[in-house]
Structure formats: structure tokens, C-alpha cells
Amino acid sequence: MINLRFDKQLFVADFLQRLELLQKGIAAHRKSNFTGSMLMHHTMQSTKFMSKWIEEKNKKQD
């Protein structure tokens, strides 16, 4: 039963078509992807503050 429900051949064509559509409209997709934008923002902020912390830590060692 589970092999029929999740048979790869049932989903390959739709999946590839979806990927192709996303590639063609990647700019619009990224604009409308709120969750992805938030994750990217917070990743960049985390990196920024980690680098500031490392700078301050290294200053104290000198």
C-alpha cells in the first residue's frame, strides 16, 4: 500500500514541471517567499553579530 502511495513515477513529471516553473520565475518566487526572506535575514544577522563578538573577543586577548 505505501509503495503505491509514494511511487516515484507518480510524482516525477509534476515535480520537474514545478522546478522548471520556479526557475523561469525565480525573482517573483523569491519576492513572494516571506519565510525564505525571514530565514535569510536572520541568518545574515546571526553572522554579523557572531563576527562582531569574535572581533571583541580577539581585542581582549591582545
PDB file of N, CA and C in Angstrom:
ATOM      1  N   MET A   1       0.812  -1.195   0.000  1.00  0.00           N
ATOM      2  CA  MET A   1       0.000   0.000   0.000  1.00  0.00           C
ATOM      3  C   MET A   1       0.865   1.273   0.000  1.00  0.00           C
ATOM      4  N   ILE A   2       1.845   1.303   0.879  1.00  0.00           N
ATOM      5  CA  ILE A   2       2.693   2.502   0.969  1.00  0.00           C
ATOM      6  C   ILE A   2       3.525   2.692  -0.300  1.00  0.00           C
ATOM      7  N   ASN A   3       3.949   1.604  -0.906  1.00  0.00           N
ATOM      8  CA  ASN A   3       4.715   1.707  -2.151  1.00  0.00           C
ATOM      9  C   ASN A   3       3.883   2.310  -3.284  1.00  0.00           C
ATOM     10  N   LEU A   4       2.597   2.048  -3.283  1.00  0.00           N
ATOM     11  CA  LEU A   4       1.720   2.635  -4.293  1.00  0.00           C
ATOM     12  C   LEU A   4       1.492   4.120  -4.017  1.00  0.00           C
ATOM     13  N   ARG A   5       1.331   4.471  -2.757  1.00  0.00           N
ATOM     14  CA  ARG A   5       1.045   5.863  -2.368  1.00  0.00           C
ATOM     15  C   ARG A   5       2.228   6.785  -2.668  1.00  0.00           C
ATOM     16  N   PHE A   6       3.428   6.292  -2.492  1.00  0.00           N
ATOM     17  CA  PHE A   6       4.619   7.114  -2.661  1.00  0.00           C
ATOM     18  C   PHE A   6       5.489   6.659  -3.829  1.00  0.00           C
ATOM     19  N   ASP A   7       4.880   6.131  -4.837  1.00  0.00           N
ATOM     20  CA  ASP A   7       5.606   5.691  -6.023  1.00  0.00           C
ATOM     21  C   ASP A   7       6.223   6.902  -6.731  1.00  0.00           C
ATOM     22  N   LYS A   8       7.512   6.860  -6.925  1.00  0.00           N
ATOM     23  CA  LYS A   8       8.244   7.971  -7.536  1.00  0.00           C
ATOM     24  C   LYS A   8       7.677   8.358  -8.899  1.00  0.00           C
ATOM     25  N   GLN A   9       7.315   7.384  -9.672  1.00  0.00           N
ATOM     26  CA  GLN A   9       6.830   7.638 -11.028  1.00  0.00           C
ATOM     27  C   GLN A   9       5.546   8.471 -11.050  1.00  0.00           C
ATOM     28  N   LEU A  10       4.794   8.470  -9.960  1.00  0.00           N
ATOM     29  CA  LEU A  10       3.568   9.254  -9.897  1.00  0.00           C
ATOM     30  C   LEU A  10       3.848  10.752  -9.752  1.00  0.00           C
ATOM     31  N   PHE A  11       5.026  11.101  -9.267  1.00  0.00           N
ATOM     32  CA  PHE A  11       5.313  12.487  -8.912  1.00  0.00           C
ATOM     33  C   PHE A  11       6.429  13.143  -9.722  1.00  0.00           C
ATOM     34  N   VAL A  12       7.216  12.381 -10.425  1.00  0.00           N
ATOM     35  CA  VAL A  12       8.388  12.912 -11.127  1.00  0.00           C
ATOM     36  C   VAL A  12       8.012  14.003 -12.125  1.00  0.00           C
ATOM     37  N   ALA A  13       7.034  13.760 -12.970  1.00  0.00           N
ATOM     38  CA  ALA A  13       6.670  14.736 -14.014  1.00  0.00           C
ATOM     39  C   ALA A  13       6.197  16.046 -13.396  1.00  0.00           C
ATOM     40  N   ASP A  14       5.313  15.982 -12.383  1.00  0.00           N
ATOM     41  CA  ASP A  14       4.823  17.197 -11.723  1.00  0.00           C
ATOM     42  C   ASP A  14       5.953  17.938 -11.016  1.00  0.00           C
ATOM     43  N   PHE A  15       6.831  17.199 -10.376  1.00  0.00           N
ATOM     44  CA  PHE A  15       7.946  17.808  -9.659  1.00  0.00           C
ATOM     45  C   PHE A  15       8.882  18.545 -10.617  1.00  0.00           C
ATOM     46  N   LEU A  16       9.229  17.896 -11.722  1.00  0.00           N
ATOM     47  CA  LEU A  16      10.124  18.537 -12.693  1.00  0.00           C
ATOM     48  C   LEU A  16       9.464  19.761 -13.333  1.00  0.00           C
ATOM     49  N   GLN A  17       8.169  19.679 -13.581  1.00  0.00           N
ATOM     50  CA  GLN A  17       7.439  20.819 -14.139  1.00  0.00           C
ATOM     51  C   GLN A  17       7.448  21.978 -13.144  1.00  0.00           C
ATOM     52  N   ARG A  18       7.252  21.685 -11.881  1.00  0.00           N
ATOM     53  CA  ARG A  18       7.269  22.728 -10.834  1.00  0.00           C
ATOM     54  C   ARG A  18       8.644  23.378 -10.749  1.00  0.00           C
ATOM     55  N   LEU A  19       9.691  22.578 -10.801  1.00  0.00           N
ATOM     56  CA  LEU A  19      11.055  23.125 -10.772  1.00  0.00           C
ATOM     57  C   LEU A  19      11.314  24.041 -11.961  1.00  0.00           C
ATOM     58  N   GLU A  20      10.856  23.632 -13.108  1.00  0.00           N
ATOM     59  CA  GLU A  20      11.045  24.435 -14.317  1.00  0.00           C
ATOM     60  C   GLU A  20      10.320  25.780 -14.199  1.00  0.00           C
ATOM     61  N   LEU A  21       9.094  25.753 -13.692  1.00  0.00           N
ATOM     62  CA  LEU A  21       8.343  26.995 -13.496  1.00  0.00           C
ATOM     63  C   LEU A  21       9.046  27.916 -12.501  1.00  0.00           C
ATOM     64  N   LEU A  22       9.576  27.341 -11.437  1.00  0.00           N
ATOM     65  CA  LEU A  22      10.286  28.141 -10.436  1.00  0.00           C
ATOM     66  C   LEU A  22      11.557  28.756 -11.023  1.00  0.00           C
ATOM     67  N   GLN A  23      12.265  28.001 -11.836  1.00  0.00           N
ATOM     68  CA  GLN A  23      13.485  28.527 -12.462  1.00  0.00           C
ATOM     69  C   GLN A  23      13.174  29.700 -13.373  1.00  0.00           C
ATOM     70  N   LYS A  24      12.081  29.611 -14.105  1.00  0.00           N
ATOM     71  CA  LYS A  24      11.718  30.678 -15.032  1.00  0.00           C
ATOM     72  C   LYS A  24      11.272  31.936 -14.291  1.00  0.00           C
ATOM     73  N   GLY A  25      10.653  31.769 -13.136  1.00  0.00           N
ATOM     74  CA  GLY A  25      10.156  32.920 -12.395  1.00  0.00           C
ATOM     75  C   GLY A  25      10.793  33.049 -11.031  1.00  0.00           C
ATOM     76  N   ILE A  26      12.103  32.823 -10.962  1.00  0.00           N
ATOM     77  CA  ILE A  26      12.782  32.786  -9.666  1.00  0.00           C
ATOM     78  C   ILE A  26      12.715  34.126  -8.934  1.00  0.00           C
ATOM     79  N   ALA A  27      12.804  35.239  -9.649  1.00  0.00           N
ATOM     80  CA  ALA A  27      12.764  36.553  -8.994  1.00  0.00           C
ATOM     81  C   ALA A  27      11.417  36.774  -8.316  1.00  0.00           C
ATOM     82  N   ALA A  28      10.339  36.466  -9.008  1.00  0.00           N
ATOM     83  CA  ALA A  28       8.995  36.626  -8.441  1.00  0.00           C
ATOM     84  C   ALA A  28       8.798  35.669  -7.269  1.00  0.00           C
ATOM     85  N   HIS A  29       9.299  34.461  -7.403  1.00  0.00           N
ATOM     86  CA  HIS A  29       9.171  33.481  -6.320  1.00  0.00           C
ATOM     87  C   HIS A  29       9.885  33.968  -5.068  1.00  0.00           C
ATOM     88  N   ARG A  30      11.086  34.486  -5.238  1.00  0.00           N
ATOM     89  CA  ARG A  30      11.845  34.971  -4.084  1.00  0.00           C
ATOM     90  C   ARG A  30      11.167  36.173  -3.432  1.00  0.00           C
ATOM     91  N   LYS A  31      10.546  37.029  -4.243  1.00  0.00           N
ATOM     92  CA  LYS A  31       9.832  38.183  -3.690  1.00  0.00           C
ATOM     93  C   LYS A  31       8.646  37.745  -2.844  1.00  0.00           C
ATOM     94  N   SER A  32       7.961  36.707  -3.265  1.00  0.00           N
ATOM     95  CA  SER A  32       6.751  36.272  -2.563  1.00  0.00           C
ATOM     96  C   SER A  32       7.034  35.245  -1.471  1.00  0.00           C
ATOM     97  N   ASN A  33       8.286  34.849  -1.299  1.00  0.00           N
ATOM     98  CA  ASN A  33       8.642  33.823  -0.321  1.00  0.00           C
ATOM     99  C   ASN A  33       9.012  34.490   1.012  1.00  0.00           C
ATOM    100  N   PHE A  34       8.012  34.840   1.800  1.00  0.00           N
ATOM    101  CA  PHE A  34       8.215  35.549   3.054  1.00  0.00           C
ATOM    102  C   PHE A  34       9.073  34.746   4.030  1.00  0.00           C
ATOM    103  N   THR A  35       8.767  33.471   4.185  1.00  0.00           N
ATOM    104  CA  THR A  35       9.503  32.639   5.131  1.00  0.00           C
ATOM    105  C   THR A  35      10.979  32.558   4.747  1.00  0.00           C
ATOM    106  N   GLY A  36      11.247  32.362   3.467  1.00  0.00           N
ATOM    107  CA  GLY A  36      12.632  32.308   2.999  1.00  0.00           C
ATOM    108  C   GLY A  36      13.351  33.622   3.236  1.00  0.00           C
ATOM    109  N   SER A  37      12.652  34.728   3.019  1.00  0.00           N
ATOM    110  CA  SER A  37      13.257  36.041   3.255  1.00  0.00           C
ATOM    111  C   SER A  37      13.594  36.234   4.724  1.00  0.00           C
ATOM    112  N   MET A  38      12.690  35.824   5.589  1.00  0.00           N
ATOM    113  CA  MET A  38      12.938  35.952   7.032  1.00  0.00           C
ATOM    114  C   MET A  38      14.113  35.078   7.463  1.00  0.00           C
ATOM    115  N   LEU A  39      14.176  33.873   6.945  1.00  0.00           N
ATOM    116  CA  LEU A  39      15.289  32.995   7.302  1.00  0.00           C
ATOM    117  C   LEU A  39      16.618  33.574   6.821  1.00  0.00           C
ATOM    118  N   MET A  40      16.647  34.117   5.616  1.00  0.00           N
ATOM    119  CA  MET A  40      17.863  34.711   5.086  1.00  0.00           C
ATOM    120  C   MET A  40      18.274  35.925   5.917  1.00  0.00           C
ATOM    121  N   HIS A  41      17.313  36.754   6.277  1.00  0.00           N
ATOM    122  CA  HIS A  41      17.592  37.945   7.088  1.00  0.00           C
ATOM    123  C   HIS A  41      18.223  37.546   8.421  1.00  0.00           C
ATOM    124  N   HIS A  42      17.620  36.597   9.101  1.00  0.00           N
ATOM    125  CA  HIS A  42      18.119  36.205  10.419  1.00  0.00           C
ATOM    126  C   HIS A  42      19.454  35.477  10.324  1.00  0.00           C
ATOM    127  N   THR A  43      19.663  34.756   9.244  1.00  0.00           N
ATOM    128  CA  THR A  43      20.970  34.118   9.046  1.00  0.00           C
ATOM    129  C   THR A  43      22.060  35.180   8.902  1.00  0.00           C
ATOM    130  N   MET A  44      21.762  36.204   8.107  1.00  0.00           N
ATOM    131  CA  MET A  44      22.738  37.278   7.906  1.00  0.00           C
ATOM    132  C   MET A  44      22.983  38.036   9.204  1.00  0.00           C
ATOM    133  N   GLN A  45      21.941  38.289   9.980  1.00  0.00           N
ATOM    134  CA  GLN A  45      22.091  38.989  11.254  1.00  0.00           C
ATOM    135  C   GLN A  45      22.925  38.155  12.224  1.00  0.00           C
ATOM    136  N   SER A  46      22.671  36.867  12.263  1.00  0.00           N
ATOM    137  CA  SER A  46      23.443  35.993  13.154  1.00  0.00           C
ATOM    138  C   SER A  46      24.913  36.027  12.789  1.00  0.00           C
ATOM    139  N   THR A  47      25.205  35.976  11.501  1.00  0.00           N
ATOM    140  CA  THR A  47      26.588  36.016  11.039  1.00  0.00           C
ATOM    141  C   THR A  47      27.232  37.344  11.413  1.00  0.00           C
ATOM    142  N   LYS A  48      26.502  38.425  11.234  1.00  0.00           N
ATOM    143  CA  LYS A  48      27.010  39.757  11.557  1.00  0.00           C
ATOM    144  C   LYS A  48      27.373  39.860  13.041  1.00  0.00           C
ATOM    145  N   PHE A  49      26.466  39.442  13.907  1.00  0.00           N
ATOM    146  CA  PHE A  49      26.721  39.570  15.333  1.00  0.00           C
ATOM    147  C   PHE A  49      27.777  38.586  15.822  1.00  0.00           C
ATOM    148  N   MET A  50      27.869  37.427  15.199  1.00  0.00           N
ATOM    149  CA  MET A  50      28.936  36.486  15.566  1.00  0.00           C
ATOM    150  C   MET A  50      30.291  37.071  15.212  1.00  0.00           C
ATOM    151  N   SER A  51      30.404  37.715  14.052  1.00  0.00           N
ATOM    152  CA  SER A  51      31.685  38.303  13.670  1.00  0.00           C
ATOM    153  C   SER A  51      32.034  39.460  14.597  1.00  0.00           C
ATOM    154  N   LYS A  52      31.041  40.242  15.035  1.00  0.00           N
ATOM    155  CA  LYS A  52      31.303  41.319  15.993  1.00  0.00           C
ATOM    156  C   LYS A  52      31.778  40.744  17.332  1.00  0.00           C
ATOM    157  N   TRP A  53      31.167  39.651  17.758  1.00  0.00           N
ATOM    158  CA  TRP A  53      31.559  39.027  19.011  1.00  0.00           C
ATOM    159  C   TRP A  53      33.007  38.525  18.929  1.00  0.00           C
ATOM    160  N   ILE A  54      33.363  37.916  17.802  1.00  0.00           N
ATOM    161  CA  ILE A  54      34.725  37.415  17.614  1.00  0.00           C
ATOM    162  C   ILE A  54      35.719  38.572  17.619  1.00  0.00           C
ATOM    163  N   GLU A  55      35.379  39.690  16.976  1.00  0.00           N
ATOM    164  CA  GLU A  55      36.252  40.854  16.982  1.00  0.00           C
ATOM    165  C   GLU A  55      36.494  41.345  18.403  1.00  0.00           C
ATOM    166  N   GLU A  56      35.440  41.450  19.188  1.00  0.00           N
ATOM    167  CA  GLU A  56      35.577  41.929  20.554  1.00  0.00           C
ATOM    168  C   GLU A  56      36.372  40.934  21.408  1.00  0.00           C
ATOM    169  N   LYS A  57      36.136  39.665  21.206  1.00  0.00           N
ATOM    170  CA  LYS A  57      36.866  38.637  21.956  1.00  0.00           C
ATOM    171  C   LYS A  57      38.356  38.719  21.632  1.00  0.00           C
ATOM    172  N   ASN A  58      38.678  38.916  20.361  1.00  0.00           N
ATOM    173  CA  ASN A  58      40.070  38.997  19.955  1.00  0.00           C
ATOM    174  C   ASN A  58      40.741  40.275  20.461  1.00  0.00           C
ATOM    175  N   LYS A  59      39.996  41.357  20.589  1.00  0.00           N
ATOM    176  CA  LYS A  59      40.544  42.608  21.134  1.00  0.00           C
ATOM    177  C   LYS A  59      41.002  42.414  22.578  1.00  0.00           C
ATOM    178  N   LYS A  60      40.232  41.656  23.344  1.00  0.00           N
ATOM    179  CA  LYS A  60      40.543  41.439  24.762  1.00  0.00           C
ATOM    180  C   LYS A  60      41.780  40.579  24.938  1.00  0.00           C
ATOM    181  N   GLN A  61      42.122  39.770  23.959  1.00  0.00           N
ATOM    182  CA  GLN A  61      43.278  38.887  24.053  1.00  0.00           C
ATOM    183  C   GLN A  61      44.577  39.612  23.747  1.00  0.00           C
ATOM    184  N   ASP A  62      44.498  40.738  23.047  1.00  0.00           N
ATOM    185  CA  ASP A  62      45.720  41.483  22.663  1.00  0.00           C
ATOM    186  C   ASP A  62      46.349  42.193  23.815  1.00  0.00           C
TER     187      ASP A  62
END
